[in-house]
């Protein structure tokens, strides 16, 4: 839960629509 929150915050700075991961690895997972 804590990790998700942190990741969400980081994503919010870049892309809130994407999951808690960079657009690189996130795209691959998607």
PDB file of N, CA and C in Angstrom:
ATOM      1  N   UNK A   1       0.852  -1.202   0.000  1.00  0.00           N
ATOM      2  CA  UNK A   1       0.000   0.000   0.000  1.00  0.00           C
ATOM      3  C   UNK A   1       0.890   1.256   0.000  1.00  0.00           C
ATOM      4  N   UNK A   2       1.865   1.231   0.869  1.00  0.00           N
ATOM      5  CA  UNK A   2       2.773   2.379   0.957  1.00  0.00           C
ATOM      6  C   UNK A   2       3.521   2.547  -0.352  1.00  0.00           C
ATOM      7  N   UNK A   3       3.963   1.429  -0.884  1.00  0.00           N
ATOM      8  CA  UNK A   3       4.726   1.485  -2.145  1.00  0.00           C
ATOM      9  C   UNK A   3       3.850   2.064  -3.255  1.00  0.00           C
ATOM     10  N   UNK A   4       2.616   1.625  -3.283  1.00  0.00           N
ATOM     11  CA  UNK A   4       1.685   2.098  -4.313  1.00  0.00           C
ATOM     12  C   UNK A   4       1.508   3.613  -4.193  1.00  0.00           C
ATOM     13  N   UNK A   5       1.391   4.074  -2.964  1.00  0.00           N
ATOM     14  CA  UNK A   5       1.222   5.509  -2.722  1.00  0.00           C
ATOM     15  C   UNK A   5       2.419   6.284  -3.254  1.00  0.00           C
ATOM     16  N   UNK A   6       3.602   5.781  -2.931  1.00  0.00           N
ATOM     17  CA  UNK A   6       4.836   6.442  -3.370  1.00  0.00           C
ATOM     18  C   UNK A   6       4.913   6.445  -4.883  1.00  0.00           C
ATOM     19  N   UNK A   7       4.621   5.310  -5.453  1.00  0.00           N
ATOM     20  CA  UNK A   7       4.674   5.167  -6.916  1.00  0.00           C
ATOM     21  C   UNK A   7       3.646   6.105  -7.544  1.00  0.00           C
ATOM     22  N   UNK A   8       2.480   6.158  -6.932  1.00  0.00           N
ATOM     23  CA  UNK A   8       1.414   7.008  -7.470  1.00  0.00           C
ATOM     24  C   UNK A   8       1.872   8.467  -7.472  1.00  0.00           C
ATOM     25  N   UNK A   9       2.523   8.848  -6.397  1.00  0.00           N
ATOM     26  CA  UNK A   9       3.001  10.223  -6.289  1.00  0.00           C
ATOM     27  C   UNK A   9       4.004  10.500  -7.400  1.00  0.00           C
ATOM     28  N   UNK A  10       4.909   9.576  -7.594  1.00  0.00           N
ATOM     29  CA  UNK A  10       5.938   9.728  -8.636  1.00  0.00           C
ATOM     30  C   UNK A  10       5.279   9.799 -10.007  1.00  0.00           C
ATOM     31  N   UNK A  11       4.303   8.939 -10.198  1.00  0.00           N
ATOM     32  CA  UNK A  11       3.599   8.892 -11.492  1.00  0.00           C
ATOM     33  C   UNK A  11       2.823  10.196 -11.682  1.00  0.00           C
ATOM     34  N   UNK A  12       2.234  10.667 -10.607  1.00  0.00           N
ATOM     35  CA  UNK A  12       1.446  11.892 -10.671  1.00  0.00           C
ATOM     36  C   UNK A  12       2.295  13.029 -11.224  1.00  0.00           C
ATOM     37  N   UNK A  13       3.580  13.007 -10.867  1.00  0.00           N
ATOM     38  CA  UNK A  13       4.482  14.072 -11.332  1.00  0.00           C
ATOM     39  C   UNK A  13       4.703  13.941 -12.830  1.00  0.00           C
ATOM     40  N   UNK A  14       4.636  12.716 -13.316  1.00  0.00           N
ATOM     41  CA  UNK A  14       4.883  12.490 -14.745  1.00  0.00           C
ATOM     42  C   UNK A  14       3.570  12.183 -15.461  1.00  0.00           C
ATOM     43  N   UNK A  15       2.960  11.069 -15.083  1.00  0.00           N
ATOM     44  CA  UNK A  15       1.720  10.643 -15.761  1.00  0.00           C
ATOM     45  C   UNK A  15       0.816   9.897 -14.772  1.00  0.00           C
ATOM     46  N   UNK A  16      -0.230  10.549 -14.288  1.00  0.00           N
ATOM     47  CA  UNK A  16      -1.136   9.956 -13.301  1.00  0.00           C
ATOM     48  C   UNK A  16      -2.006   8.848 -13.897  1.00  0.00           C
ATOM     49  N   UNK A  17      -2.163   8.874 -15.198  1.00  0.00           N
ATOM     50  CA  UNK A  17      -3.022   7.872 -15.853  1.00  0.00           C
ATOM     51  C   UNK A  17      -2.302   6.532 -15.921  1.00  0.00           C
ATOM     52  N   UNK A  18      -0.977   6.582 -16.042  1.00  0.00           N
ATOM     53  CA  UNK A  18      -0.210   5.336 -16.130  1.00  0.00           C
ATOM     54  C   UNK A  18      -0.024   4.721 -14.747  1.00  0.00           C
ATOM     55  N   UNK A  19       0.254   3.440 -14.677  1.00  0.00           N
ATOM     56  CA  UNK A  19       0.490   2.745 -13.403  1.00  0.00           C
ATOM     57  C   UNK A  19       1.748   3.257 -12.715  1.00  0.00           C
ATOM     58  N   UNK A  20       2.013   2.796 -11.502  1.00  0.00           N
ATOM     59  CA  UNK A  20       3.193   3.220 -10.726  1.00  0.00           C
ATOM     60  C   UNK A  20       4.489   2.731 -11.340  1.00  0.00           C
ATOM     61  N   UNK A  21       4.750   3.125 -12.572  1.00  0.00           N
ATOM     62  CA  UNK A  21       5.992   2.711 -13.243  1.00  0.00           C
ATOM     63  C   UNK A  21       6.295   3.648 -14.403  1.00  0.00           C
ATOM     64  N   UNK A  22       7.550   3.742 -14.756  1.00  0.00           N
ATOM     65  CA  UNK A  22       7.929   4.631 -15.866  1.00  0.00           C
ATOM     66  C   UNK A  22       7.163   4.225 -17.125  1.00  0.00           C
ATOM     67  N   UNK A  23       7.066   5.143 -18.083  1.00  0.00           N
ATOM     68  CA  UNK A  23       6.350   4.881 -19.336  1.00  0.00           C
ATOM     69  C   UNK A  23       7.001   3.748 -20.127  1.00  0.00           C
ATOM     70  N   UNK A  24       8.254   3.473 -19.836  1.00  0.00           N
ATOM     71  CA  UNK A  24       8.982   2.406 -20.543  1.00  0.00           C
ATOM     72  C   UNK A  24       8.485   1.028 -20.122  1.00  0.00           C
ATOM     73  N   UNK A  25       8.806   0.637 -18.877  1.00  0.00           N
ATOM     74  CA  UNK A  25       8.407  -0.684 -18.355  1.00  0.00           C
ATOM     75  C   UNK A  25       6.890  -0.803 -18.273  1.00  0.00           C
ATOM     76  N   UNK A  26       6.242   0.297 -17.995  1.00  0.00           N
ATOM     77  CA  UNK A  26       4.779   0.307 -17.872  1.00  0.00           C
ATOM     78  C   UNK A  26       4.148  -0.104 -19.197  1.00  0.00           C
ATOM     79  N   UNK A  27       4.634   0.481 -20.277  1.00  0.00           N
ATOM     80  CA  UNK A  27       4.094   0.196 -21.605  1.00  0.00           C
ATOM     81  C   UNK A  27       4.264  -1.286 -21.922  1.00  0.00           C
ATOM     82  N   UNK A  28       5.401  -1.819 -21.524  1.00  0.00           N
ATOM     83  CA  UNK A  28       5.702  -3.232 -21.811  1.00  0.00           C
ATOM     84  C   UNK A  28       4.730  -4.121 -21.032  1.00  0.00           C
ATOM     85  N   UNK A  29       4.488  -3.755 -19.789  1.00  0.00           N
ATOM     86  CA  UNK A  29       3.587  -4.542 -18.939  1.00  0.00           C
ATOM     87  C   UNK A  29       2.157  -4.435 -19.460  1.00  0.00           C
ATOM     88  N   UNK A  30       1.795  -3.242 -19.896  1.00  0.00           N
ATOM     89  CA  UNK A  30       0.446  -3.013 -20.407  1.00  0.00           C
ATOM     90  C   UNK A  30       0.229  -3.884 -21.630  1.00  0.00           C
TER      91      UNK A  30
END
